[in-house]
Amino acid sequence: RSRTNMPPLYYTDIEPEISAITINPEITFNGTSLFINNDENVLNEQLNLSKTATRKTRTTKTRSIKASSPTKQQKKKQEAKKGNNRTRWEAHYNELKTYAEQNGNTLVPQKYKPNPKLGYWVMQQRRQYALQQEGSGQKRSSFNGPEGERRRQLLEDIGFVWRAGRR
């Protein structure tokens, strides 16, 4: 059933009621009560941890609180992500080595039916190599840095073709 006789409900219709029952959060820090400023620019700064969040006190003095450096837990997550990327890259590399041993080359088709992810991965390696060769500072390549140099060397050791023509 549809409610055709009822008009649609918009946020602007209920906003006064919401703001009437909403309280501003109060933070107590070293015996001083702080209120979060509802200014949109301040909220955007609070969401971005790399910027300084601005908060107002009851006496309308503005205090800036610098965002802290990453916690130990955040650092562990970043390290785990790096390790995960390395493991995934090495797994695809081993699949490519197997393909090269079976077929005599590293020209994996983009839509390689037995392993579609391998074809996509090979395409991405060529794309990252092209980004690095371009050398523009704005574009980041996974082949930049010592880890990228090691990866590129591993691919060259198995005879990886960096520029594959169309068949």
C-alpha atoms as a PDB file:
ATOM      1  CA  ARG A   1       0.000   0.000   0.000  1.00  0.00           C
ATOM      2  CA  SER A   2       1.182   3.491  -0.674  1.00  0.00           C
ATOM      3  CA  ARG A   3       0.287   6.598   1.265  1.00  0.00           C
ATOM      4  CA  THR A   4      -0.711   8.939  -1.510  1.00  0.00           C
ATOM      5  CA  ASN A   5      -2.737  11.244   0.704  1.00  0.00           C
ATOM      6  CA  MET A   6       0.240  12.197   2.951  1.00  0.00           C
ATOM      7  CA  PRO A   7       2.718  14.883   1.892  1.00  0.00           C
ATOM      8  CA  PRO A   8       6.445  14.023   2.027  1.00  0.00           C
ATOM      9  CA  LEU A   9       8.297  14.855   5.241  1.00  0.00           C
ATOM     10  CA  TYR A  10      11.399  17.032   4.874  1.00  0.00           C
ATOM     11  CA  TYR A  11      14.151  17.752   7.367  1.00  0.00           C
ATOM     12  CA  THR A  12      13.291  21.450   7.365  1.00  0.00           C
ATOM     13  CA  ASP A  13       9.832  20.519   8.699  1.00  0.00           C
ATOM     14  CA  ILE A  14      11.197  18.837  11.819  1.00  0.00           C
ATOM     15  CA  GLU A  15      14.471  20.746  12.314  1.00  0.00           C
ATOM     16  CA  PRO A  16      13.070  23.196  14.920  1.00  0.00           C
ATOM     17  CA  GLU A  17      11.771  20.292  16.996  1.00  0.00           C
ATOM     18  CA  ILE A  18      15.101  18.462  16.783  1.00  0.00           C
ATOM     19  CA  SER A  19      17.138  21.506  17.775  1.00  0.00           C
ATOM     20  CA  ALA A  20      14.766  22.194  20.703  1.00  0.00           C
ATOM     21  CA  ILE A  21      15.486  18.797  22.267  1.00  0.00           C
ATOM     22  CA  THR A  22      19.182  18.639  21.303  1.00  0.00           C
ATOM     23  CA  ILE A  23      21.730  19.772  23.855  1.00  0.00           C
ATOM     24  CA  ASN A  24      25.254  20.934  23.134  1.00  0.00           C
ATOM     25  CA  PRO A  25      27.808  18.409  24.341  1.00  0.00           C
ATOM     26  CA  GLU A  26      29.911  19.693  27.200  1.00  0.00           C
ATOM     27  CA  ILE A  27      33.454  18.506  27.796  1.00  0.00           C
ATOM     28  CA  THR A  28      35.195  19.043  31.144  1.00  0.00           C
ATOM     29  CA  PHE A  29      38.964  19.401  30.862  1.00  0.00           C
ATOM     30  CA  ASN A  30      41.121  20.315  33.883  1.00  0.00           C
ATOM     31  CA  GLY A  31      38.105  21.767  35.686  1.00  0.00           C
ATOM     32  CA  THR A  32      37.109  23.935  32.689  1.00  0.00           C
ATOM     33  CA  SER A  33      33.857  23.291  30.858  1.00  0.00           C
ATOM     34  CA  LEU A  34      34.231  23.355  27.087  1.00  0.00           C
ATOM     35  CA  PHE A  35      31.411  23.526  24.560  1.00  0.00           C
ATOM     36  CA  ILE A  36      31.823  22.338  20.993  1.00  0.00           C
ATOM     37  CA  ASN A  37      31.244  25.138  18.515  1.00  0.00           C
ATOM     38  CA  ASN A  38      28.577  24.225  15.938  1.00  0.00           C
ATOM     39  CA  ASP A  39      30.293  26.301  13.258  1.00  0.00           C
ATOM     40  CA  GLU A  40      30.642  24.216  10.071  1.00  0.00           C
ATOM     41  CA  ASN A  41      34.323  25.122   9.567  1.00  0.00           C
ATOM     42  CA  VAL A  42      35.145  24.020  13.091  1.00  0.00           C
ATOM     43  CA  LEU A  43      33.281  20.727  12.602  1.00  0.00           C
ATOM     44  CA  ASN A  44      35.226  20.065   9.413  1.00  0.00           C
ATOM     45  CA  GLU A  45      38.471  20.682  11.277  1.00  0.00           C
ATOM     46  CA  GLN A  46      37.427  18.307  14.047  1.00  0.00           C
ATOM     47  CA  LEU A  47      36.726  15.558  11.556  1.00  0.00           C
ATOM     48  CA  ASN A  48      40.148  15.944   9.974  1.00  0.00           C
ATOM     49  CA  LEU A  49      42.575  14.745  12.653  1.00  0.00           C
ATOM     50  CA  SER A  50      45.581  16.405  11.033  1.00  0.00           C
ATOM     51  CA  LYS A  51      44.143  19.880  11.692  1.00  0.00           C
ATOM     52  CA  THR A  52      43.586  21.759  14.927  1.00  0.00           C
ATOM     53  CA  ALA A  53      40.109  21.441  16.390  1.00  0.00           C
ATOM     54  CA  THR A  54      38.701  24.625  17.860  1.00  0.00           C
ATOM     55  CA  ARG A  55      36.450  24.570  20.903  1.00  0.00           C
ATOM     56  CA  LYS A  56      34.832  27.385  22.837  1.00  0.00           C
ATOM     57  CA  THR A  57      34.538  27.632  26.598  1.00  0.00           C
ATOM     58  CA  ARG A  58      31.574  29.046  28.493  1.00  0.00           C
ATOM     59  CA  THR A  59      33.339  32.377  28.800  1.00  0.00           C
ATOM     60  CA  THR A  60      33.674  32.400  24.966  1.00  0.00           C
ATOM     61  CA  LYS A  61      37.446  32.097  25.100  1.00  0.00           C
ATOM     62  CA  THR A  62      38.674  30.065  22.139  1.00  0.00           C
ATOM     63  CA  ARG A  63      41.135  27.277  22.802  1.00  0.00           C
ATOM     64  CA  SER A  64      42.915  25.244  20.160  1.00  0.00           C
ATOM     65  CA  ILE A  65      43.571  21.620  20.904  1.00  0.00           C
ATOM     66  CA  LYS A  66      46.198  20.036  18.669  1.00  0.00           C
ATOM     67  CA  ALA A  67      45.318  16.582  17.341  1.00  0.00           C
ATOM     68  CA  SER A  68      47.583  13.942  18.818  1.00  0.00           C
ATOM     69  CA  SER A  69      49.927  11.726  16.856  1.00  0.00           C
ATOM     70  CA  PRO A  70      48.695   8.272  15.802  1.00  0.00           C
ATOM     71  CA  THR A  71      48.135   5.888  18.685  1.00  0.00           C
ATOM     72  CA  LYS A  72      49.932   2.587  19.039  1.00  0.00           C
ATOM     73  CA  GLN A  73      46.807   0.793  17.836  1.00  0.00           C
ATOM     74  CA  GLN A  74      46.618   2.967  14.695  1.00  0.00           C
ATOM     75  CA  LYS A  75      50.312   2.348  13.999  1.00  0.00           C
ATOM     76  CA  LYS A  76      49.790  -1.406  14.348  1.00  0.00           C
ATOM     77  CA  LYS A  77      46.900  -1.251  11.853  1.00  0.00           C
ATOM     78  CA  GLN A  78      49.075   0.678   9.381  1.00  0.00           C
ATOM     79  CA  GLU A  79      51.909  -1.833   9.734  1.00  0.00           C
ATOM     80  CA  ALA A  80      49.486  -4.750   9.333  1.00  0.00           C
ATOM     81  CA  LYS A  81      48.071  -3.144   6.192  1.00  0.00           C
ATOM     82  CA  LYS A  82      51.568  -2.768   4.748  1.00  0.00           C
ATOM     83  CA  GLY A  83      52.316  -6.394   5.572  1.00  0.00           C
ATOM     84  CA  ASN A  84      49.015  -7.455   4.028  1.00  0.00           C
ATOM     85  CA  ASN A  85      49.791  -5.558   0.797  1.00  0.00           C
ATOM     86  CA  ARG A  86      53.237  -7.142   0.647  1.00  0.00           C
ATOM     87  CA  THR A  87      51.801 -10.619   1.181  1.00  0.00           C
ATOM     88  CA  ARG A  88      49.144 -10.091  -1.467  1.00  0.00           C
ATOM     89  CA  TRP A  89      51.720  -8.741  -3.957  1.00  0.00           C
ATOM     90  CA  GLU A  90      54.015 -11.711  -3.346  1.00  0.00           C
ATOM     91  CA  ALA A  91      51.126 -14.152  -3.826  1.00  0.00           C
ATOM     92  CA  HIS A  92      50.304 -12.606  -7.221  1.00  0.00           C
ATOM     93  CA  TYR A  93      54.003 -12.606  -8.101  1.00  0.00           C
ATOM     94  CA  ASN A  94      54.204 -16.343  -7.377  1.00  0.00           C
ATOM     95  CA  GLU A  95      51.114 -16.917  -9.540  1.00  0.00           C
ATOM     96  CA  LEU A  96      52.801 -14.972 -12.340  1.00  0.00           C
ATOM     97  CA  LYS A  97      55.964 -17.078 -11.979  1.00  0.00           C
ATOM     98  CA  THR A  98      53.850 -20.227 -12.309  1.00  0.00           C
ATOM     99  CA  TYR A  99      52.129 -18.778 -15.387  1.00  0.00           C
ATOM    100  CA  ALA A 100      55.529 -17.906 -16.926  1.00  0.00           C
ATOM    101  CA  GLU A 101      56.843 -21.436 -16.315  1.00  0.00           C
ATOM    102  CA  GLN A 102      53.746 -22.976 -17.942  1.00  0.00           C
ATOM    103  CA  ASN A 103      53.454 -20.592 -20.917  1.00  0.00           C
ATOM    104  CA  GLY A 104      57.027 -19.393 -21.473  1.00  0.00           C
ATOM    105  CA  ASN A 105      56.125 -15.679 -21.104  1.00  0.00           C
ATOM    106  CA  THR A 106      54.532 -13.163 -18.768  1.00  0.00           C
ATOM    107  CA  LEU A 107      51.932 -11.900 -21.242  1.00  0.00           C
ATOM    108  CA  VAL A 108      48.893 -12.682 -19.119  1.00  0.00           C
ATOM    109  CA  PRO A 109      45.660 -11.604 -20.849  1.00  0.00           C
ATOM    110  CA  GLN A 110      43.605  -9.049 -18.940  1.00  0.00           C
ATOM    111  CA  LYS A 111      40.641 -11.445 -18.966  1.00  0.00           C
ATOM    112  CA  TYR A 112      42.569 -14.602 -18.139  1.00  0.00           C
ATOM    113  CA  LYS A 113      39.742 -17.068 -17.407  1.00  0.00           C
ATOM    114  CA  PRO A 114      41.578 -19.474 -15.062  1.00  0.00           C
ATOM    115  CA  ASN A 115      42.666 -16.568 -12.822  1.00  0.00           C
ATOM    116  CA  PRO A 116      41.002 -13.215 -13.642  1.00  0.00           C
ATOM    117  CA  LYS A 117      42.700 -11.429 -10.732  1.00  0.00           C
ATOM    118  CA  LEU A 118      46.132 -12.283 -12.120  1.00  0.00           C
ATOM    119  CA  GLY A 119      45.321 -10.589 -15.441  1.00  0.00           C
ATOM    120  CA  TYR A 120      44.131  -7.481 -13.621  1.00  0.00           C
ATOM    121  CA  TRP A 121      47.198  -7.494 -11.347  1.00  0.00           C
ATOM    122  CA  VAL A 122      49.589  -7.713 -14.300  1.00  0.00           C
ATOM    123  CA  MET A 123      47.783  -4.775 -15.935  1.00  0.00           C
ATOM    124  CA  GLN A 124      48.169  -2.771 -12.705  1.00  0.00           C
ATOM    125  CA  GLN A 125      51.903  -3.514 -12.553  1.00  0.00           C
ATOM    126  CA  ARG A 126      52.316  -2.147 -16.080  1.00  0.00           C
ATOM    127  CA  ARG A 127      50.274   0.919 -15.140  1.00  0.00           C
ATOM    128  CA  GLN A 128      52.376   1.555 -12.019  1.00  0.00           C
ATOM    129  CA  TYR A 129      55.571   1.174 -14.047  1.00  0.00           C
ATOM    130  CA  ALA A 130      54.298   3.719 -16.582  1.00  0.00           C
ATOM    131  CA  LEU A 131      53.508   6.150 -13.743  1.00  0.00           C
ATOM    132  CA  GLN A 132      57.029   5.788 -12.425  1.00  0.00           C
ATOM    133  CA  GLN A 133      58.581   6.274 -15.855  1.00  0.00           C
ATOM    134  CA  GLU A 134      56.482   9.412 -16.329  1.00  0.00           C
ATOM    135  CA  GLY A 135      58.263  10.803 -13.300  1.00  0.00           C
ATOM    136  CA  SER A 136      55.715  13.451 -12.411  1.00  0.00           C
ATOM    137  CA  GLY A 137      55.931  14.257  -8.697  1.00  0.00           C
ATOM    138  CA  GLN A 138      52.163  14.353  -8.215  1.00  0.00           C
ATOM    139  CA  LYS A 139      51.504  10.781  -9.336  1.00  0.00           C
ATOM    140  CA  ARG A 140      52.535   8.128  -6.869  1.00  0.00           C
ATOM    141  CA  SER A 141      53.698   4.769  -8.107  1.00  0.00           C
ATOM    142  CA  SER A 142      53.959   1.571  -6.095  1.00  0.00           C
ATOM    143  CA  PHE A 143      57.414   1.159  -7.665  1.00  0.00           C
ATOM    144  CA  ASN A 144      58.766   4.253  -5.895  1.00  0.00           C
ATOM    145  CA  GLY A 145      61.001   3.660  -2.893  1.00  0.00           C
ATOM    146  CA  PRO A 146      63.124   0.676  -1.875  1.00  0.00           C
ATOM    147  CA  GLU A 147      60.195  -1.772  -1.708  1.00  0.00           C
ATOM    148  CA  GLY A 148      59.087  -0.754  -5.198  1.00  0.00           C
ATOM    149  CA  GLU A 149      62.618  -1.126  -6.539  1.00  0.00           C
ATOM    150  CA  ARG A 150      62.760  -4.655  -5.121  1.00  0.00           C
ATOM    151  CA  ARG A 151      59.414  -5.507  -6.721  1.00  0.00           C
ATOM    152  CA  ARG A 152      60.429  -4.130 -10.096  1.00  0.00           C
ATOM    153  CA  GLN A 153      63.671  -6.105  -9.991  1.00  0.00           C
ATOM    154  CA  LEU A 154      61.805  -9.319  -9.133  1.00  0.00           C
ATOM    155  CA  LEU A 155      59.497  -8.815 -12.115  1.00  0.00           C
ATOM    156  CA  GLU A 156      62.422  -8.107 -14.442  1.00  0.00           C
ATOM    157  CA  ASP A 157      64.205 -11.245 -13.231  1.00  0.00           C
ATOM    158  CA  ILE A 158      61.364 -13.432 -14.540  1.00  0.00           C
ATOM    159  CA  GLY A 159      61.256 -11.573 -17.876  1.00  0.00           C
ATOM    160  CA  PHE A 160      58.243  -9.353 -17.246  1.00  0.00           C
ATOM    161  CA  VAL A 161      57.144  -7.430 -20.356  1.00  0.00           C
ATOM    162  CA  TRP A 162      56.447  -3.826 -19.342  1.00  0.00           C
ATOM    163  CA  ARG A 163      54.779  -2.761 -22.580  1.00  0.00           C
ATOM    164  CA  ALA A 164      52.546  -5.392 -24.080  1.00  0.00           C
ATOM    165  CA  GLY A 165      51.091  -4.753 -27.518  1.00  0.00           C
ATOM    166  CA  ARG A 166      47.613  -5.760 -28.580  1.00  0.00           C
ATOM    167  CA  ARG A 167      47.178  -9.155 -30.184  1.00  0.00           C
END
